[in-house]
C-alpha cells in the first residue's frame, strides 16, 4: 500500500474518532486486511478491477454527475466502485470525506452505514442509518440506481427502503430483534414493489421468530403470496416458501447457484433448521457458509453472527 493511502487511513481513523467513541475493528490491521470477523479471523480481499462493462457504466455515471455539478452523486459512485473492487476500507474513507463536505446529505450516511456492516462495525452502521433517517424525514423518497442493472433494467430500491433494510439488518446481526422489527415495519410502509416487500418480509419474519413473536410471524408469513413474480429477490422468496411449507429445502440446492445465492440460501436454511429444533444441522450449514469465504455477503455475516453467539 502506498504512503498516500496509509495517510488516508490515518486521517480516516482520526475523523471517525471525532465522530464516535466506538472502536474501529480494522484500525490496527495490516494494509492487505479489511477487518476482523466476529469469530476473530482476519478477513482479506484481493483488490481487483471491475468487469469492463460495469466499470465503464459507473465511470460514465460519475462523469455525468460531475458535468451536471452533482458532486454528491459523483462521490457516491466513486465509493461504490471502490467497494465493488473489494476495498471496503477505502470506500468508507471516501464516504467519510464526502460527509465532511456534505454533512446534511442522508445518502452518504446510508452508503457509509452499508460499508460499516461489511466491516462488522454494527454500532457505527446503526448510527449512520439513524442519521440518514433523521435527515430524510418528511422528504420524498429517492430511487437508487444499480451499479449493475437487473435483467429488466428497473431499479427497485430507494434511499428510504435501503436505509430501513440495512438498519434492521444491523440490529438483527447484534441480536436486537425488537429494534430490527421496527426498522422492517418502516421499510414495508415505504416499499412500492414486490421485490422490496419480499426482502423485508424475509428478514422481518426471522426477526419476529427470534424475538419470540411466533403468532405475529405466522400472520406475516400468511401475507406472502404464492407464485409471486419477481425481478431480483428470488432467493429470499424461495426461503419464504420453505418457511411456509410450500417448497422443500432440496428444491433450493443447486450447483448452478452463485456464491451470493449459496450464502443467502445457506443462512436461511440454517435458520429454518434452528427454529425447528435442529440446532446441530443449523450450525453445520452456517459453518459451511462461513468456510465458503464469501465474507461480504449478508448471508455470510448472519451465519458468522450465529456461530459467534
Protein backbone atom coordinates (compact mmCIF):
# COMPACT_ATOMS: atom_id res chain seq x y z
CA UNK A 1 0.00 0.00 0.00
CA UNK A 2 1.31 3.46 -0.88
CA UNK A 3 2.30 6.10 1.68
CA UNK A 4 -0.59 8.22 0.42
CA UNK A 5 -3.14 5.50 1.20
CA UNK A 6 -1.63 4.94 4.63
CA UNK A 7 -2.04 8.66 5.29
CA UNK A 8 -5.63 8.43 4.05
CA UNK A 9 -6.41 5.71 6.58
CA UNK A 10 -4.73 7.67 9.39
CA UNK A 11 -6.95 10.64 8.59
CA UNK A 12 -9.98 8.37 8.40
CA UNK A 13 -9.39 6.97 11.88
CA UNK A 14 -8.84 10.49 13.26
CA UNK A 15 -12.14 11.60 11.70
CA UNK A 16 -14.02 8.58 13.00
CA UNK A 17 -12.60 9.06 16.46
CA UNK A 18 -14.03 12.57 16.49
CA UNK A 19 -17.42 11.35 15.32
CA UNK A 20 -17.95 8.33 17.54
CA UNK A 21 -16.33 6.81 20.60
CA UNK A 22 -16.75 3.25 19.31
CA UNK A 23 -13.56 1.33 18.50
CA UNK A 24 -12.71 0.53 14.88
CA UNK A 25 -12.17 -3.21 14.39
CA UNK A 26 -9.82 -2.75 11.46
CA UNK A 27 -7.74 0.16 12.77
CA UNK A 28 -4.62 -1.83 13.64
CA UNK A 29 -4.75 -4.35 10.80
CA UNK A 30 -2.04 -4.67 8.15
CA UNK A 31 -2.77 -2.87 4.85
CA UNK A 32 -3.82 -6.02 2.97
CA UNK A 33 -6.55 -6.89 5.50
CA UNK A 34 -10.05 -5.45 5.56
CA UNK A 35 -11.43 -6.31 9.01
CA UNK A 36 -11.76 -8.95 11.74
CA UNK A 37 -14.67 -11.39 11.70
CA UNK A 38 -16.93 -11.90 14.72
CA UNK A 39 -15.08 -15.20 15.19
CA UNK A 40 -11.70 -13.48 15.31
CA UNK A 41 -10.47 -14.29 11.80
CA UNK A 42 -8.73 -11.69 9.65
CA UNK A 43 -10.79 -11.03 6.53
CA UNK A 44 -8.97 -10.08 3.36
CA UNK A 45 -9.92 -9.37 -0.22
CA UNK A 46 -7.86 -9.49 -3.35
CA UNK A 47 -8.44 -5.99 -4.67
CA UNK A 48 -9.32 -6.44 -8.32
CA UNK A 49 -10.53 -4.39 -11.26
CA UNK A 50 -14.20 -4.46 -12.16
CA UNK A 51 -15.63 -6.15 -15.24
CA UNK A 52 -15.18 -3.76 -18.15
CA UNK A 53 -18.89 -3.18 -18.74
CA UNK A 54 -19.61 -2.42 -15.11
CA UNK A 55 -16.58 -0.14 -14.70
CA UNK A 56 -17.48 1.79 -17.85
CA UNK A 57 -21.07 2.28 -16.68
CA UNK A 58 -20.06 3.58 -13.26
CA UNK A 59 -17.39 5.86 -14.75
CA UNK A 60 -20.00 7.24 -17.13
CA UNK A 61 -22.47 7.90 -14.31
CA UNK A 62 -19.79 9.55 -12.20
CA UNK A 63 -18.65 11.82 -15.06
CA UNK A 64 -22.26 12.74 -15.85
CA UNK A 65 -22.80 13.72 -12.24
CA UNK A 66 -19.69 15.91 -12.34
CA UNK A 67 -20.77 17.53 -15.61
CA UNK A 68 -24.13 18.35 -14.04
CA UNK A 69 -22.50 19.66 -10.87
CA UNK A 70 -23.98 16.83 -8.79
CA UNK A 71 -20.92 16.30 -6.60
CA UNK A 72 -22.69 14.09 -4.06
CA UNK A 73 -23.75 11.63 -6.77
CA UNK A 74 -20.22 11.55 -8.12
CA UNK A 75 -18.77 10.86 -4.67
CA UNK A 76 -21.26 8.04 -4.11
CA UNK A 77 -20.47 6.39 -7.44
CA UNK A 78 -16.74 6.57 -6.80
CA UNK A 79 -17.17 4.97 -3.36
CA UNK A 80 -19.46 2.28 -4.75
CA UNK A 81 -16.96 1.50 -7.48
CA UNK A 82 -14.20 1.16 -4.87
CA UNK A 83 -16.35 -1.16 -2.76
CA UNK A 84 -17.17 -3.32 -5.78
CA UNK A 85 -13.43 -3.97 -6.18
CA UNK A 86 -13.35 -5.29 -2.61
CA UNK A 87 -11.58 -2.32 -0.99
CA UNK A 88 -14.27 -1.58 1.59
CA UNK A 89 -11.97 0.37 3.88
CA UNK A 90 -11.07 2.84 1.15
CA UNK A 91 -14.73 3.14 0.13
CA UNK A 92 -15.58 4.00 3.72
CA UNK A 93 -12.89 6.69 3.71
CA UNK A 94 -14.27 8.18 0.50
CA UNK A 95 -17.74 8.41 2.01
CA UNK A 96 -16.41 9.87 5.26
CA UNK A 97 -14.58 12.55 3.28
CA UNK A 98 -17.78 13.37 1.40
CA UNK A 99 -19.68 13.63 4.70
CA UNK A 100 -17.21 16.24 5.91
CA UNK A 101 -18.13 18.31 2.85
CA UNK A 102 -21.87 17.49 2.87
CA UNK A 103 -22.82 16.67 6.49
CA UNK A 104 -26.57 17.01 5.85
CA UNK A 105 -26.81 14.53 2.96
CA UNK A 106 -28.68 11.36 4.03
CA UNK A 107 -27.49 9.29 1.05
CA UNK A 108 -23.88 9.50 2.23
CA UNK A 109 -24.76 8.13 5.67
CA UNK A 110 -26.88 5.37 4.14
CA UNK A 111 -24.00 4.19 1.93
CA UNK A 112 -21.37 4.50 4.67
CA UNK A 113 -23.62 2.54 7.02
CA UNK A 114 -23.67 -0.28 4.49
CA UNK A 115 -19.88 -0.40 4.48
CA UNK A 116 -19.78 -0.39 8.27
CA UNK A 117 -21.89 -3.56 8.18
CA UNK A 118 -19.45 -5.11 5.72
CA UNK A 119 -16.60 -4.29 8.10
CA UNK A 120 -18.51 -5.64 11.14
CA UNK A 121 -18.94 -2.24 12.83
CA UNK A 122 -22.64 -2.63 13.56
CA UNK A 123 -22.92 0.17 16.13
CA UNK A 124 -21.39 2.67 13.73
CA UNK A 125 -23.71 1.42 10.99
CA UNK A 126 -26.75 1.92 13.21
CA UNK A 127 -25.60 5.44 14.00
CA UNK A 128 -25.31 6.27 10.29
CA UNK A 129 -28.67 4.78 9.30
CA UNK A 130 -30.44 6.63 12.10
CA UNK A 131 -28.76 9.84 10.96
CA UNK A 132 -29.90 9.20 7.38
CA UNK A 133 -33.49 8.60 8.56
CA UNK A 134 -33.41 11.77 10.61
CA UNK A 135 -32.24 13.77 7.59
CA UNK A 136 -34.76 12.39 5.07
CA UNK A 137 -37.76 12.53 7.41
CA UNK A 138 -40.64 14.33 5.68
CA UNK A 139 -38.95 14.25 2.26
CA UNK A 140 -39.96 12.39 -0.89
CA UNK A 141 -38.13 9.13 -1.41
CA UNK A 142 -35.29 8.84 -3.94
CA UNK A 143 -34.77 5.84 -6.23
CA UNK A 144 -31.24 4.47 -6.05
CA UNK A 145 -29.77 3.32 -9.38
CA UNK A 146 -28.00 -0.03 -9.52
CA UNK A 147 -24.29 -0.44 -10.13
CA UNK A 148 -25.09 -3.48 -12.24
CA UNK A 149 -28.67 -3.26 -13.62
CA UNK A 150 -31.02 -6.20 -13.19
CA UNK A 151 -32.40 -8.17 -16.13
CA UNK A 152 -35.18 -5.64 -16.72
CA UNK A 153 -33.01 -2.57 -16.01
CA UNK A 154 -35.52 -1.42 -13.38
CA UNK A 155 -34.05 -0.02 -10.14
CA UNK A 156 -36.08 -1.44 -7.27
CA UNK A 157 -34.64 0.07 -4.10
CA UNK A 158 -34.57 3.60 -2.78
CA UNK A 159 -32.86 5.75 -0.19
CA UNK A 160 -35.54 5.03 2.38
CA UNK A 161 -36.02 1.31 1.72
CA UNK A 162 -32.26 0.76 1.75
CA UNK A 163 -31.86 2.73 4.97
CA UNK A 164 -34.58 0.79 6.82
CA UNK A 165 -33.44 -2.54 5.35
CA UNK A 166 -29.83 -2.10 6.42
CA UNK A 167 -30.74 -0.57 9.80
CA UNK A 168 -32.89 -3.62 10.51
CA UNK A 169 -30.06 -5.90 9.42
CA UNK A 170 -27.51 -4.19 11.68
CA UNK A 171 -29.81 -4.62 14.68
CA UNK A 172 -30.59 -8.22 13.66
CA UNK A 173 -26.91 -9.08 13.47
CA UNK A 174 -26.47 -7.71 17.00
CA UNK A 175 -29.41 -9.74 18.28
CA UNK A 176 -31.50 -6.59 18.87
CA UNK A 177 -34.64 -8.02 17.33
CA UNK A 178 -37.24 -5.56 18.61
CA UNK A 179 -35.25 -2.68 17.12
CA UNK A 180 -34.87 -4.66 13.90
CA UNK A 181 -38.63 -5.22 13.77
CA UNK A 182 -39.34 -1.50 13.98
CA UNK A 183 -36.97 -0.86 11.07
CA UNK A 184 -38.62 -3.60 8.99
CA UNK A 185 -42.08 -2.17 9.71
CA UNK A 186 -40.91 1.22 8.46
CA UNK A 187 -39.39 -0.40 5.40
CA UNK A 188 -42.58 -2.21 4.46
CA UNK A 189 -44.50 1.05 4.71
CA UNK A 190 -42.33 2.68 2.04
CA UNK A 191 -41.82 -0.39 -0.21
CA UNK A 192 -43.58 0.02 -3.56
CA UNK A 193 -42.69 -3.20 -5.41
CA UNK A 194 -42.83 -6.96 -4.72
CA UNK A 195 -39.05 -7.39 -4.65
CA UNK A 196 -38.57 -4.97 -1.80
CA UNK A 197 -41.54 -6.33 0.13
CA UNK A 198 -40.09 -9.85 -0.18
CA UNK A 199 -36.75 -8.64 1.21
CA UNK A 200 -38.47 -7.06 4.21
CA UNK A 201 -40.83 -10.00 4.73
CA UNK A 202 -37.87 -12.39 4.82
CA UNK A 203 -35.81 -10.62 7.48
CA UNK A 204 -38.88 -9.43 9.42
CA UNK A 205 -40.22 -12.97 9.70
CA UNK A 206 -36.93 -14.27 11.03
CA UNK A 207 -36.56 -11.35 13.43
CA UNK A 208 -40.07 -11.89 14.79
CA UNK A 209 -39.31 -15.56 15.37
CA UNK A 210 -36.04 -14.65 17.07
CA UNK A 211 -37.92 -12.23 19.33
CA UNK A 212 -40.43 -14.95 20.24
CA UNK A 213 -43.34 -13.27 18.42
CA UNK A 214 -44.39 -16.50 16.72
CA UNK A 215 -48.05 -15.57 16.23
CA UNK A 216 -47.18 -12.27 14.54
CA UNK A 217 -44.55 -14.07 12.46
CA UNK A 218 -47.16 -16.57 11.29
CA UNK A 219 -49.55 -13.78 10.36
CA UNK A 220 -46.79 -12.06 8.40
CA UNK A 221 -46.00 -15.27 6.54
CA UNK A 222 -49.65 -15.57 5.53
CA UNK A 223 -49.32 -12.21 3.74
CA UNK A 224 -46.69 -13.64 1.40
CA UNK A 225 -48.49 -14.79 -1.78
CA UNK A 226 -47.50 -17.87 -3.72
CA UNK A 227 -46.42 -17.64 -7.38
CA UNK A 228 -45.20 -14.07 -6.95
CA UNK A 229 -43.34 -12.67 -9.98
CA UNK A 230 -40.03 -11.09 -9.04
CA UNK A 231 -37.07 -9.49 -10.77
CA UNK A 232 -34.29 -9.94 -8.19
CA UNK A 233 -35.05 -11.34 -4.75
CA UNK A 234 -35.83 -14.92 -5.74
CA UNK A 235 -33.59 -16.48 -3.07
CA UNK A 236 -35.42 -14.64 -0.28
CA UNK A 237 -38.74 -15.64 -1.80
CA UNK A 238 -37.78 -19.30 -2.12
CA UNK A 239 -36.76 -19.34 1.53
CA UNK A 240 -40.09 -17.79 2.50
CA UNK A 241 -41.78 -20.62 0.60
CA UNK A 242 -39.73 -23.11 2.64
CA UNK A 243 -40.87 -21.36 5.82
CA UNK A 244 -44.48 -21.61 4.57
CA UNK A 245 -44.06 -25.32 3.79
CA UNK A 246 -44.64 -24.79 0.06
CA UNK A 247 -41.09 -25.65 -1.03
CA UNK A 248 -38.85 -28.47 0.11
CA UNK A 249 -35.36 -27.35 1.08
CA UNK A 250 -33.83 -29.67 -1.55
CA UNK A 251 -35.52 -27.61 -4.27
CA UNK A 252 -33.22 -24.73 -3.37
CA UNK A 253 -29.89 -26.52 -3.56
CA UNK A 254 -28.17 -26.44 -6.94
CA UNK A 255 -24.66 -26.42 -8.31
CA UNK A 256 -25.76 -23.58 -10.57
CA UNK A 257 -26.23 -21.20 -7.62
CA UNK A 258 -23.93 -18.21 -7.39
CA UNK A 259 -21.71 -17.68 -4.32
CA UNK A 260 -24.10 -14.97 -3.17
CA UNK A 261 -27.11 -17.27 -3.59
CA UNK A 262 -25.37 -20.02 -1.64
CA UNK A 263 -24.62 -17.63 1.25
CA UNK A 264 -28.19 -16.33 1.25
CA UNK A 265 -29.81 -19.77 0.99
CA UNK A 266 -27.37 -21.28 3.46
CA UNK A 267 -28.17 -18.79 6.18
CA UNK A 268 -31.92 -19.05 5.59
CA UNK A 269 -31.92 -22.86 5.62
CA UNK A 270 -29.78 -22.86 8.75
CA UNK A 271 -32.32 -20.55 10.38
CA UNK A 272 -35.17 -22.86 9.34
CA UNK A 273 -33.45 -25.86 10.93
CA UNK A 274 -32.64 -23.80 14.02
CA UNK A 275 -36.22 -22.67 14.72
CA UNK A 276 -37.38 -26.25 14.23
CA UNK A 277 -35.03 -27.51 16.92
CA UNK A 278 -32.35 -28.97 14.66
CA UNK A 279 -29.53 -26.91 16.16
CA UNK A 280 -26.70 -29.22 15.12
CA UNK A 281 -27.81 -29.18 11.49
CA UNK A 282 -28.23 -25.38 11.59
CA UNK A 283 -24.70 -24.89 12.91
CA UNK A 284 -23.36 -27.30 10.29
CA UNK A 285 -24.92 -25.26 7.47
CA UNK A 286 -23.81 -21.93 8.92
CA UNK A 287 -20.27 -23.29 9.23
CA UNK A 288 -20.37 -24.34 5.57
CA UNK A 289 -21.38 -20.81 4.61
CA UNK A 290 -18.57 -19.38 6.72
CA UNK A 291 -15.97 -21.77 5.32
CA UNK A 292 -17.00 -20.87 1.75
CA UNK A 293 -15.42 -17.49 2.32
CA UNK A 294 -17.80 -15.03 0.63
CA UNK A 295 -17.46 -12.82 3.70
CA UNK A 296 -19.05 -9.61 2.39
CA UNK A 297 -22.41 -11.33 1.73
CA UNK A 298 -25.16 -10.68 4.26
CA UNK A 299 -25.91 -14.40 4.49
CA UNK A 300 -22.27 -14.97 5.44
CA UNK A 301 -22.31 -12.21 8.07
CA UNK A 302 -25.55 -13.55 9.55
CA UNK A 303 -24.14 -17.10 9.65
CA UNK A 304 -20.99 -15.73 11.27
CA UNK A 305 -23.05 -13.91 13.91
CA UNK A 306 -24.97 -17.10 14.71
CA UNK A 307 -21.74 -19.08 15.11
CA UNK A 308 -20.27 -16.33 17.28
CA UNK A 309 -23.30 -16.49 19.57
